[in-house]
Amino acid sequence: MAEEVQYVPYQKCPKCNGQGSVSIPPHVAGDVGQWTSSATQYVCDVCNGSKIIPMCTANNPVIAVDA
């Protein structure tokens, strides 16, 4: 019998598109055209720079599969 493996499915971060950084500061709304800052790249505040986030699943965040 195969061993059961549990994993959490991941997806590419929708805010930074899997890049890990964004060009607009986290505290500035997306529709603002200008802001003052010396930095050109900011760590994505959704994935914290990891480029992926756990997929949203309805009731069971862990999926069991046979290995």
N, C-alpha and C. Protein backbone atom coordinates (compact mmCIF):
# COMPACT_ATOMS: atom_id res chain seq x y z
N MET A 1 0.85 -1.19 0.00
CA MET A 1 0.00 0.00 0.00
C MET A 1 0.89 1.24 0.00
N ALA A 2 0.49 2.22 -0.77
CA ALA A 2 1.27 3.45 -0.88
C ALA A 2 1.12 4.30 0.38
N GLU A 3 2.16 5.03 0.66
CA GLU A 3 2.15 5.94 1.81
C GLU A 3 1.38 7.20 1.45
N GLU A 4 0.57 7.70 2.38
CA GLU A 4 -0.22 8.91 2.14
C GLU A 4 0.63 10.15 2.43
N VAL A 5 0.67 11.08 1.50
CA VAL A 5 1.43 12.30 1.64
C VAL A 5 0.46 13.47 1.68
N GLN A 6 0.68 14.40 2.60
CA GLN A 6 -0.17 15.58 2.68
C GLN A 6 0.62 16.80 2.23
N TYR A 7 -0.02 17.64 1.47
CA TYR A 7 0.63 18.87 1.04
C TYR A 7 -0.40 19.99 0.93
N VAL A 8 0.08 21.21 0.97
CA VAL A 8 -0.76 22.38 0.78
C VAL A 8 -0.46 22.92 -0.61
N PRO A 9 -1.47 23.04 -1.48
CA PRO A 9 -1.21 23.57 -2.82
C PRO A 9 -0.87 25.06 -2.77
N TYR A 10 0.04 25.48 -3.62
CA TYR A 10 0.46 26.88 -3.67
C TYR A 10 0.14 27.47 -5.03
N GLN A 11 0.10 28.80 -5.08
CA GLN A 11 -0.11 29.51 -6.33
C GLN A 11 0.83 30.70 -6.39
N LYS A 12 1.04 31.20 -7.59
CA LYS A 12 1.85 32.40 -7.78
C LYS A 12 1.13 33.58 -7.13
N CYS A 13 1.89 34.45 -6.47
CA CYS A 13 1.30 35.61 -5.79
C CYS A 13 0.58 36.50 -6.81
N PRO A 14 -0.69 36.83 -6.56
CA PRO A 14 -1.43 37.66 -7.52
C PRO A 14 -1.03 39.13 -7.52
N LYS A 15 -0.43 39.61 -6.43
CA LYS A 15 -0.05 41.03 -6.38
C LYS A 15 1.24 41.31 -7.13
N CYS A 16 2.27 40.52 -6.88
CA CYS A 16 3.57 40.77 -7.52
C CYS A 16 3.79 39.88 -8.74
N ASN A 17 2.82 39.03 -9.05
CA ASN A 17 2.89 38.12 -10.20
C ASN A 17 4.10 37.19 -10.10
N GLY A 18 4.43 36.77 -8.88
CA GLY A 18 5.52 35.84 -8.68
C GLY A 18 6.90 36.46 -8.73
N GLN A 19 6.99 37.78 -8.68
CA GLN A 19 8.29 38.45 -8.74
C GLN A 19 8.89 38.69 -7.35
N GLY A 20 8.06 38.74 -6.31
CA GLY A 20 8.55 38.96 -4.95
C GLY A 20 8.71 40.42 -4.57
N SER A 21 8.60 41.30 -5.54
CA SER A 21 8.72 42.74 -5.26
C SER A 21 7.73 43.51 -6.12
N VAL A 22 7.41 44.70 -5.66
CA VAL A 22 6.48 45.58 -6.39
C VAL A 22 7.12 46.96 -6.49
N SER A 23 6.65 47.77 -7.42
CA SER A 23 7.24 49.10 -7.61
C SER A 23 6.52 50.19 -6.85
N ILE A 24 5.38 49.88 -6.26
CA ILE A 24 4.63 50.87 -5.48
C ILE A 24 4.71 50.49 -4.00
N PRO A 25 4.94 51.46 -3.11
CA PRO A 25 5.05 51.13 -1.69
C PRO A 25 3.77 50.49 -1.15
N PRO A 26 3.89 49.61 -0.16
CA PRO A 26 2.72 48.91 0.39
C PRO A 26 1.68 49.86 0.99
N HIS A 27 2.10 51.01 1.50
CA HIS A 27 1.17 51.93 2.15
C HIS A 27 0.47 52.88 1.18
N VAL A 28 0.78 52.80 -0.11
CA VAL A 28 0.18 53.68 -1.11
C VAL A 28 -0.90 52.90 -1.86
N ALA A 29 -2.08 53.49 -1.99
CA ALA A 29 -3.18 52.85 -2.71
C ALA A 29 -2.82 52.68 -4.18
N GLY A 30 -3.40 51.66 -4.82
CA GLY A 30 -3.07 51.34 -6.19
C GLY A 30 -3.46 52.40 -7.22
N ASP A 31 -4.41 53.26 -6.90
CA ASP A 31 -4.85 54.26 -7.87
C ASP A 31 -4.15 55.60 -7.70
N VAL A 32 -3.16 55.69 -6.81
CA VAL A 32 -2.42 56.94 -6.61
C VAL A 32 -1.34 57.04 -7.68
N GLY A 33 -1.27 58.19 -8.34
CA GLY A 33 -0.34 58.37 -9.44
C GLY A 33 1.05 58.81 -9.04
N GLN A 34 1.20 59.49 -7.88
CA GLN A 34 2.49 59.99 -7.46
C GLN A 34 2.70 59.77 -5.98
N TRP A 35 3.94 59.52 -5.59
CA TRP A 35 4.32 59.43 -4.19
C TRP A 35 5.80 59.77 -4.10
N THR A 36 6.26 60.10 -2.91
CA THR A 36 7.66 60.47 -2.71
C THR A 36 8.37 59.34 -1.99
N SER A 37 9.40 58.82 -2.62
CA SER A 37 10.19 57.75 -2.03
C SER A 37 11.49 57.62 -2.81
N SER A 38 12.54 57.18 -2.14
CA SER A 38 13.83 57.01 -2.82
C SER A 38 14.03 55.58 -3.31
N ALA A 39 13.23 54.64 -2.83
CA ALA A 39 13.38 53.25 -3.25
C ALA A 39 12.63 53.01 -4.56
N THR A 40 13.13 52.06 -5.35
CA THR A 40 12.47 51.73 -6.61
C THR A 40 11.75 50.39 -6.54
N GLN A 41 12.11 49.53 -5.61
CA GLN A 41 11.47 48.23 -5.44
C GLN A 41 11.13 48.02 -3.97
N TYR A 42 9.99 47.41 -3.72
CA TYR A 42 9.53 47.12 -2.36
C TYR A 42 9.17 45.65 -2.28
N VAL A 43 9.42 45.05 -1.13
CA VAL A 43 9.04 43.66 -0.93
C VAL A 43 7.52 43.57 -0.95
N CYS A 44 6.99 42.61 -1.66
CA CYS A 44 5.54 42.42 -1.76
C CYS A 44 4.96 42.13 -0.38
N ASP A 45 3.92 42.87 0.00
CA ASP A 45 3.34 42.69 1.33
C ASP A 45 2.33 41.55 1.39
N VAL A 46 2.00 40.94 0.27
CA VAL A 46 1.09 39.80 0.27
C VAL A 46 1.86 38.50 0.52
N CYS A 47 2.93 38.28 -0.24
CA CYS A 47 3.71 37.04 -0.10
C CYS A 47 4.99 37.24 0.71
N ASN A 48 5.27 38.47 1.13
CA ASN A 48 6.51 38.80 1.85
C ASN A 48 7.76 38.39 1.10
N GLY A 49 7.72 38.51 -0.21
CA GLY A 49 8.88 38.22 -1.04
C GLY A 49 9.07 36.75 -1.38
N SER A 50 8.18 35.86 -0.91
CA SER A 50 8.36 34.43 -1.18
C SER A 50 7.88 34.04 -2.58
N LYS A 51 7.16 34.91 -3.26
CA LYS A 51 6.67 34.74 -4.64
C LYS A 51 5.49 33.79 -4.78
N ILE A 52 5.17 33.02 -3.75
CA ILE A 52 4.02 32.12 -3.79
C ILE A 52 3.21 32.27 -2.51
N ILE A 53 1.93 31.92 -2.59
CA ILE A 53 1.05 31.93 -1.43
C ILE A 53 0.24 30.64 -1.44
N PRO A 54 -0.23 30.19 -0.27
CA PRO A 54 -1.08 28.99 -0.24
C PRO A 54 -2.37 29.24 -1.03
N MET A 55 -2.80 28.25 -1.79
CA MET A 55 -4.06 28.36 -2.52
C MET A 55 -5.22 28.35 -1.54
N CYS A 56 -6.24 29.07 -1.87
CA CYS A 56 -7.43 29.08 -1.04
C CYS A 56 -8.26 27.84 -1.39
N THR A 57 -8.52 27.02 -0.40
CA THR A 57 -9.39 25.87 -0.60
C THR A 57 -10.57 26.00 0.35
N ALA A 58 -11.70 25.49 -0.04
CA ALA A 58 -12.94 25.72 0.69
C ALA A 58 -12.92 25.20 2.12
N ASN A 59 -12.84 23.91 2.31
CA ASN A 59 -12.96 23.35 3.66
C ASN A 59 -11.71 22.65 4.15
N ASN A 60 -10.91 22.15 3.25
CA ASN A 60 -9.76 21.35 3.65
C ASN A 60 -8.48 21.94 3.05
N PRO A 61 -7.69 22.70 3.82
CA PRO A 61 -6.50 23.33 3.25
C PRO A 61 -5.36 22.34 2.95
N VAL A 62 -5.47 21.10 3.44
CA VAL A 62 -4.44 20.09 3.21
C VAL A 62 -5.03 18.99 2.34
N ILE A 63 -4.36 18.65 1.26
CA ILE A 63 -4.84 17.62 0.35
C ILE A 63 -3.99 16.37 0.56
N ALA A 64 -4.63 15.24 0.73
CA ALA A 64 -3.92 13.98 0.91
C ALA A 64 -3.89 13.23 -0.41
N VAL A 65 -2.72 12.78 -0.80
CA VAL A 65 -2.57 12.01 -2.02
C VAL A 65 -1.75 10.76 -1.72
N ASP A 66 -1.91 9.75 -2.54
CA ASP A 66 -1.10 8.55 -2.41
C ASP A 66 0.23 8.77 -3.10
N ALA A 67 1.30 8.48 -2.40
CA ALA A 67 2.64 8.69 -2.97
C ALA A 67 3.05 7.53 -3.85
